[in-house]
C-alpha atoms as a PDB file:
ATOM      1  CA  MET A   1      21.058  76.322   2.573  1.00  0.00           C
ATOM      2  CA  ARG A   2      17.719  75.332   4.086  1.00  0.00           C
ATOM      3  CA  TYR A   3      16.754  71.719   4.474  1.00  0.00           C
ATOM      4  CA  GLU A   4      13.364  70.062   4.729  1.00  0.00           C
ATOM      5  CA  LYS A   5      11.842  69.593   8.149  1.00  0.00           C
ATOM      6  CA  GLY A   6      13.267  66.444   9.707  1.00  0.00           C
ATOM      7  CA  HIS A   7      16.544  66.569   7.760  1.00  0.00           C
ATOM      8  CA  ARG A   8      18.573  67.326  10.902  1.00  0.00           C
ATOM      9  CA  ASP A   9      16.996  64.460  12.824  1.00  0.00           C
ATOM     10  CA  ALA A  10      17.498  62.086   9.909  1.00  0.00           C
ATOM     11  CA  SER A  11      21.174  63.068   9.651  1.00  0.00           C
ATOM     12  CA  ARG A  12      21.662  62.542  13.386  1.00  0.00           C
ATOM     13  CA  GLU A  13      20.080  59.080  13.155  1.00  0.00           C
ATOM     14  CA  ARG A  14      22.350  58.183  10.222  1.00  0.00           C
ATOM     15  CA  ILE A  15      25.395  59.213  12.259  1.00  0.00           C
ATOM     16  CA  LEU A  16      24.230  57.223  15.299  1.00  0.00           C
ATOM     17  CA  GLN A  17      23.559  54.126  13.203  1.00  0.00           C
ATOM     18  CA  ALA A  18      26.884  54.362  11.375  1.00  0.00           C
ATOM     19  CA  ALA A  19      28.780  54.913  14.627  1.00  0.00           C
ATOM     20  CA  SER A  20      27.003  52.067  16.368  1.00  0.00           C
ATOM     21  CA  GLU A  21      27.877  49.631  13.591  1.00  0.00           C
ATOM     22  CA  ARG A  22      31.445  50.891  13.163  1.00  0.00           C
ATOM     23  CA  PHE A  23      32.223  50.846  16.910  1.00  0.00           C
ATOM     24  CA  ARG A  24      30.879  47.303  17.275  1.00  0.00           C
ATOM     25  CA  ALA A  25      32.745  46.110  14.184  1.00  0.00           C
ATOM     26  CA  ASP A  26      36.122  47.795  14.722  1.00  0.00           C
ATOM     27  CA  GLY A  27      36.111  49.065  18.312  1.00  0.00           C
ATOM     28  CA  ILE A  28      35.772  52.579  19.657  1.00  0.00           C
ATOM     29  CA  ALA A  29      39.462  53.492  19.680  1.00  0.00           C
ATOM     30  CA  ALA A  30      40.013  52.187  16.151  1.00  0.00           C
ATOM     31  CA  SER A  31      37.060  54.107  14.720  1.00  0.00           C
ATOM     32  CA  GLY A  32      37.757  57.691  13.767  1.00  0.00           C
ATOM     33  CA  LEU A  33      35.091  60.306  13.252  1.00  0.00           C
ATOM     34  CA  ALA A  34      36.026  60.681   9.581  1.00  0.00           C
ATOM     35  CA  ARG A  35      35.249  57.002   8.954  1.00  0.00           C
ATOM     36  CA  VAL A  36      31.971  57.192  10.887  1.00  0.00           C
ATOM     37  CA  MET A  37      30.884  60.239   8.891  1.00  0.00           C
ATOM     38  CA  LYS A  38      31.854  58.559   5.625  1.00  0.00           C
ATOM     39  CA  ASP A  39      29.798  55.505   6.656  1.00  0.00           C
ATOM     40  CA  ALA A  40      26.877  57.864   7.342  1.00  0.00           C
ATOM     41  CA  GLY A  41      27.297  59.446   3.897  1.00  0.00           C
ATOM     42  CA  LEU A  42      28.004  62.871   5.400  1.00  0.00           C
ATOM     43  CA  THR A  43      30.940  65.257   5.502  1.00  0.00           C
ATOM     44  CA  ASN A  44      33.127  65.655   8.577  1.00  0.00           C
ATOM     45  CA  GLY A  45      31.732  69.160   9.074  1.00  0.00           C
ATOM     46  CA  ALA A  46      28.261  67.730   9.613  1.00  0.00           C
ATOM     47  CA  PHE A  47      29.370  66.062  12.857  1.00  0.00           C
ATOM     48  CA  TYR A  48      29.563  69.003  15.269  1.00  0.00           C
ATOM     49  CA  PRO A  49      26.044  70.388  14.788  1.00  0.00           C
ATOM     50  CA  HIS A  50      24.876  67.036  16.197  1.00  0.00           C
ATOM     51  CA  PHE A  51      27.474  66.054  18.818  1.00  0.00           C
ATOM     52  CA  GLU A  52      29.949  67.989  20.937  1.00  0.00           C
ATOM     53  CA  SER A  53      32.542  65.212  21.005  1.00  0.00           C
ATOM     54  CA  LYS A  54      33.328  61.628  20.092  1.00  0.00           C
ATOM     55  CA  ALA A  55      32.600  60.704  23.730  1.00  0.00           C
ATOM     56  CA  GLU A  56      29.039  61.988  23.340  1.00  0.00           C
ATOM     57  CA  LEU A  57      28.655  60.034  20.102  1.00  0.00           C
ATOM     58  CA  VAL A  58      29.957  56.889  21.788  1.00  0.00           C
ATOM     59  CA  ARG A  59      27.498  57.272  24.665  1.00  0.00           C
ATOM     60  CA  GLU A  60      24.480  57.974  22.477  1.00  0.00           C
ATOM     61  CA  SER A  61      25.248  55.286  19.910  1.00  0.00           C
ATOM     62  CA  LEU A  62      25.880  52.765  22.687  1.00  0.00           C
ATOM     63  CA  VAL A  63      22.554  53.606  24.331  1.00  0.00           C
ATOM     64  CA  ALA A  64      20.764  53.325  20.975  1.00  0.00           C
ATOM     65  CA  ALA A  65      22.382  49.942  20.264  1.00  0.00           C
ATOM     66  CA  LEU A  66      21.539  48.609  23.727  1.00  0.00           C
ATOM     67  CA  ASP A  67      17.949  49.842  23.520  1.00  0.00           C
ATOM     68  CA  ALA A  68      17.548  48.164  20.123  1.00  0.00           C
ATOM     69  CA  GLN A  69      19.056  44.986  21.561  1.00  0.00           C
ATOM     70  CA  ALA A  70      16.550  45.065  24.436  1.00  0.00           C
ATOM     71  CA  GLY A  71      13.742  45.194  21.870  1.00  0.00           C
ATOM     72  CA  GLN A  72      15.206  42.220  20.009  1.00  0.00           C
ATOM     73  CA  MET A  73      15.586  40.325  23.282  1.00  0.00           C
ATOM     74  CA  ARG A  74      11.929  40.950  24.165  1.00  0.00           C
ATOM     75  CA  GLN A  75      10.814  39.587  20.791  1.00  0.00           C
ATOM     76  CA  ILE A  76      12.928  36.439  21.092  1.00  0.00           C
ATOM     77  CA  LEU A  77      11.907  35.869  24.707  1.00  0.00           C
ATOM     78  CA  ALA A  78       8.221  36.270  23.885  1.00  0.00           C
ATOM     79  CA  ALA A  79       8.471  33.809  20.992  1.00  0.00           C
ATOM     80  CA  ASP A  80      11.034  31.271  22.222  1.00  0.00           C
ATOM     81  CA  GLY A  81      11.813  31.905  25.892  1.00  0.00           C
ATOM     82  CA  LEU A  82      15.256  31.841  27.427  1.00  0.00           C
ATOM     83  CA  GLU A  83      16.296  28.769  25.447  1.00  0.00           C
ATOM     84  CA  GLY A  84      15.630  30.678  22.212  1.00  0.00           C
ATOM     85  CA  LEU A  85      17.508  33.707  23.464  1.00  0.00           C
ATOM     86  CA  ILE A  86      20.540  31.593  24.360  1.00  0.00           C
ATOM     87  CA  ALA A  87      20.478  29.875  20.961  1.00  0.00           C
ATOM     88  CA  ALA A  88      20.195  33.165  19.061  1.00  0.00           C
ATOM     89  CA  TYR A  89      22.866  34.907  21.126  1.00  0.00           C
ATOM     90  CA  LEU A  90      25.368  32.064  20.894  1.00  0.00           C
ATOM     91  CA  SER A  91      24.889  31.438  17.184  1.00  0.00           C
ATOM     92  CA  PRO A  92      27.444  31.615  14.371  1.00  0.00           C
ATOM     93  CA  LYS A  93      25.326  34.367  12.781  1.00  0.00           C
ATOM     94  CA  HIS A  94      25.664  36.582  15.859  1.00  0.00           C
ATOM     95  CA  ARG A  95      29.353  35.727  16.211  1.00  0.00           C
ATOM     96  CA  ASP A  96      30.051  36.589  12.579  1.00  0.00           C
ATOM     97  CA  ASN A  97      28.196  39.932  12.544  1.00  0.00           C
ATOM     98  CA  PRO A  98      29.444  42.020  15.465  1.00  0.00           C
ATOM     99  CA  GLN A  99      28.389  45.260  13.754  1.00  0.00           C
ATOM    100  CA  ASP A 100      24.754  44.181  14.129  1.00  0.00           C
ATOM    101  CA  GLY A 101      25.071  42.352  17.431  1.00  0.00           C
ATOM    102  CA  CYS A 102      25.501  42.823  21.132  1.00  0.00           C
ATOM    103  CA  ALA A 103      27.362  45.999  22.033  1.00  0.00           C
ATOM    104  CA  THR A 104      28.514  44.483  25.324  1.00  0.00           C
ATOM    105  CA  SER A 105      30.257  41.520  23.747  1.00  0.00           C
ATOM    106  CA  ALA A 106      31.878  43.789  21.165  1.00  0.00           C
ATOM    107  CA  LEU A 107      32.840  46.705  23.411  1.00  0.00           C
ATOM    108  CA  ALA A 108      32.898  45.788  27.132  1.00  0.00           C
ATOM    109  CA  ALA A 109      36.637  46.354  27.602  1.00  0.00           C
ATOM    110  CA  GLU A 110      36.450  49.739  25.911  1.00  0.00           C
ATOM    111  CA  ILE A 111      33.288  50.795  27.732  1.00  0.00           C
ATOM    112  CA  ALA A 112      35.181  50.313  30.996  1.00  0.00           C
ATOM    113  CA  ARG A 113      37.534  53.116  29.892  1.00  0.00           C
ATOM    114  CA  GLU A 114      34.811  55.526  28.805  1.00  0.00           C
ATOM    115  CA  PRO A 115      33.739  58.554  30.878  1.00  0.00           C
ATOM    116  CA  LEU A 116      31.504  58.004  33.910  1.00  0.00           C
ATOM    117  CA  GLU A 117      28.424  59.327  32.098  1.00  0.00           C
ATOM    118  CA  THR A 118      28.777  56.632  29.438  1.00  0.00           C
ATOM    119  CA  ARG A 119      29.455  53.897  31.993  1.00  0.00           C
ATOM    120  CA  SER A 120      26.429  55.007  34.029  1.00  0.00           C
ATOM    121  CA  ALA A 121      24.157  54.837  30.981  1.00  0.00           C
ATOM    122  CA  TYR A 122      25.599  51.424  30.172  1.00  0.00           C
ATOM    123  CA  THR A 123      25.125  50.183  33.736  1.00  0.00           C
ATOM    124  CA  GLY A 124      21.442  51.080  33.642  1.00  0.00           C
ATOM    125  CA  ARG A 125      20.950  49.120  30.419  1.00  0.00           C
ATOM    126  CA  VAL A 126      22.785  46.064  31.763  1.00  0.00           C
ATOM    127  CA  ALA A 127      20.603  46.127  34.885  1.00  0.00           C
ATOM    128  CA  ALA A 128      17.526  46.279  32.635  1.00  0.00           C
ATOM    129  CA  PHE A 129      18.819  43.278  30.628  1.00  0.00           C
ATOM    130  CA  ALA A 130      19.211  41.305  33.870  1.00  0.00           C
ATOM    131  CA  GLU A 131      15.676  42.249  34.933  1.00  0.00           C
ATOM    132  CA  LEU A 132      14.328  41.187  31.542  1.00  0.00           C
ATOM    133  CA  VAL A 133      16.065  37.806  31.722  1.00  0.00           C
ATOM    134  CA  ALA A 134      15.017  37.339  35.369  1.00  0.00           C
ATOM    135  CA  ALA A 135      11.379  37.857  34.380  1.00  0.00           C
ATOM    136  CA  TYR A 136      11.581  34.720  32.215  1.00  0.00           C
ATOM    137  CA  LEU A 137      13.100  32.529  34.913  1.00  0.00           C
ATOM    138  CA  PRO A 138      10.784  30.193  36.813  1.00  0.00           C
ATOM    139  CA  PRO A 139       8.683  32.232  39.256  1.00  0.00           C
ATOM    140  CA  HIS A 140      10.050  30.544  42.368  1.00  0.00           C
ATOM    141  CA  ALA A 141      13.702  30.405  41.334  1.00  0.00           C
ATOM    142  CA  SER A 142      15.970  31.365  44.182  1.00  0.00           C
ATOM    143  CA  ASP A 143      17.942  34.564  43.624  1.00  0.00           C
ATOM    144  CA  ARG A 144      16.575  35.374  40.185  1.00  0.00           C
ATOM    145  CA  GLU A 145      18.885  38.384  39.815  1.00  0.00           C
ATOM    146  CA  ALA A 146      21.994  36.249  40.391  1.00  0.00           C
ATOM    147  CA  ALA A 147      20.763  33.585  37.974  1.00  0.00           C
ATOM    148  CA  ALA A 148      19.993  36.195  35.301  1.00  0.00           C
ATOM    149  CA  THR A 149      23.371  37.858  35.782  1.00  0.00           C
ATOM    150  CA  ALA A 150      25.132  34.488  35.520  1.00  0.00           C
ATOM    151  CA  LEU A 151      23.272  33.696  32.291  1.00  0.00           C
ATOM    152  CA  LEU A 152      24.201  37.060  30.778  1.00  0.00           C
ATOM    153  CA  ALA A 153      27.837  36.766  31.841  1.00  0.00           C
ATOM    154  CA  THR A 154      28.097  33.227  30.473  1.00  0.00           C
ATOM    155  CA  CYS A 155      26.634  34.200  27.114  1.00  0.00           C
ATOM    156  CA  ILE A 156      28.651  37.411  26.752  1.00  0.00           C
ATOM    157  CA  GLY A 157      31.948  35.793  27.749  1.00  0.00           C
ATOM    158  CA  THR A 158      31.332  32.847  25.460  1.00  0.00           C
ATOM    159  CA  LEU A 159      30.655  35.113  22.487  1.00  0.00           C
ATOM    160  CA  GLN A 160      33.751  37.216  23.178  1.00  0.00           C
ATOM    161  CA  ILE A 161      36.016  34.166  23.244  1.00  0.00           C
ATOM    162  CA  ALA A 162      34.325  32.615  20.200  1.00  0.00           C
ATOM    163  CA  ARG A 163      35.015  35.818  18.261  1.00  0.00           C
ATOM    164  CA  ALA A 164      38.626  36.051  19.426  1.00  0.00           C
ATOM    165  CA  VAL A 165      39.945  32.670  18.303  1.00  0.00           C
ATOM    166  CA  ASP A 166      41.256  32.253  14.769  1.00  0.00           C
ATOM    167  CA  SER A 167      39.700  28.847  14.121  1.00  0.00           C
ATOM    168  CA  THR A 168      36.055  28.577  13.043  1.00  0.00           C
ATOM    169  CA  GLU A 169      35.993  24.972  14.208  1.00  0.00           C
ATOM    170  CA  MET A 170      37.205  25.934  17.678  1.00  0.00           C
ATOM    171  CA  SER A 171      34.868  28.927  17.747  1.00  0.00           C
ATOM    172  CA  ASP A 172      31.913  26.667  16.948  1.00  0.00           C
ATOM    173  CA  ARG A 173      32.917  24.358  19.823  1.00  0.00           C
ATOM    174  CA  ILE A 174      33.122  27.361  22.156  1.00  0.00           C
ATOM    175  CA  LEU A 175      29.638  28.480  21.131  1.00  0.00           C
ATOM    176  CA  ALA A 176      28.266  24.955  21.704  1.00  0.00           C
ATOM    177  CA  ALA A 177      29.953  24.675  25.109  1.00  0.00           C
ATOM    178  CA  GLY A 178      28.668  28.102  26.095  1.00  0.00           C
ATOM    179  CA  GLN A 179      25.131  27.161  25.061  1.00  0.00           C
ATOM    180  CA  GLU A 180      25.331  24.009  27.165  1.00  0.00           C
ATOM    181  CA  ALA A 181      26.697  25.965  30.146  1.00  0.00           C
ATOM    182  CA  ALA A 182      23.938  28.574  29.850  1.00  0.00           C
ATOM    183  CA  LEU A 183      21.254  25.889  29.541  1.00  0.00           C
ATOM    184  CA  THR A 184      22.709  24.138  32.599  1.00  0.00           C
ATOM    185  CA  LEU A 185      22.424  27.405  34.540  1.00  0.00           C
ATOM    186  CA  LEU A 186      18.857  27.716  33.330  1.00  0.00           C
ATOM    187  CA  ARG A 187      18.006  24.143  34.390  1.00  0.00           C
ATOM    188  CA  THR A 188      19.681  24.690  37.759  1.00  0.00           C
ATOM    189  CA  SER A 189      17.607  27.810  38.387  1.00  0.00           C
ATOM    190  CA  ALA A 190      14.463  25.917  37.346  1.00  0.00           C
ATOM    191  CA  SER A 191      15.237  23.010  39.692  1.00  0.00           C
ATOM    192  CA  SER A 192      15.838  25.421  42.571  1.00  0.00           C
ATOM    193  CA  ALA A 193      12.301  26.688  41.972  1.00  0.00           C
ATOM    194  CA  THR A 194      10.722  23.370  42.878  1.00  0.00           C
END
């Protein structure tokens, strides 16, 4: 059966999107290919013309999710600066929708067990996130890379813990404390610039 031009690319994008959402929602290990393909609205047999293995799908869907996140970060930073980024990242909406959110906060422990090629691609994206955040720090802040890395680590760790607890009230307090800690880091980096 012949398909229209672009059908193959459209199917591949559907698989990547479905995998990205499923992995972030349920984890990599808990997400089978059959479920991903069902989410994409395709048969299991449609997987292998696009990807050689689940590991390749993980890598490519992770890269796609991180690249999309970088675009979202740029928009928020341009509109609202680092304070806006911290507020958006450590919000109940982000906490409650892991399938649409940060791949790092949803998958960091699993990414550490992925093949080197996946971890290398991930490492490059994390470095780019740190550079992006550093660009919005005060121009004369000392050790901008360290400050950016600390901000990212604070936000990611906060979100992971806020998602893990079984009490919404406690989770909200964790998000608020994490926001305050991240803003304190931001103020500290700004004061070191003067």
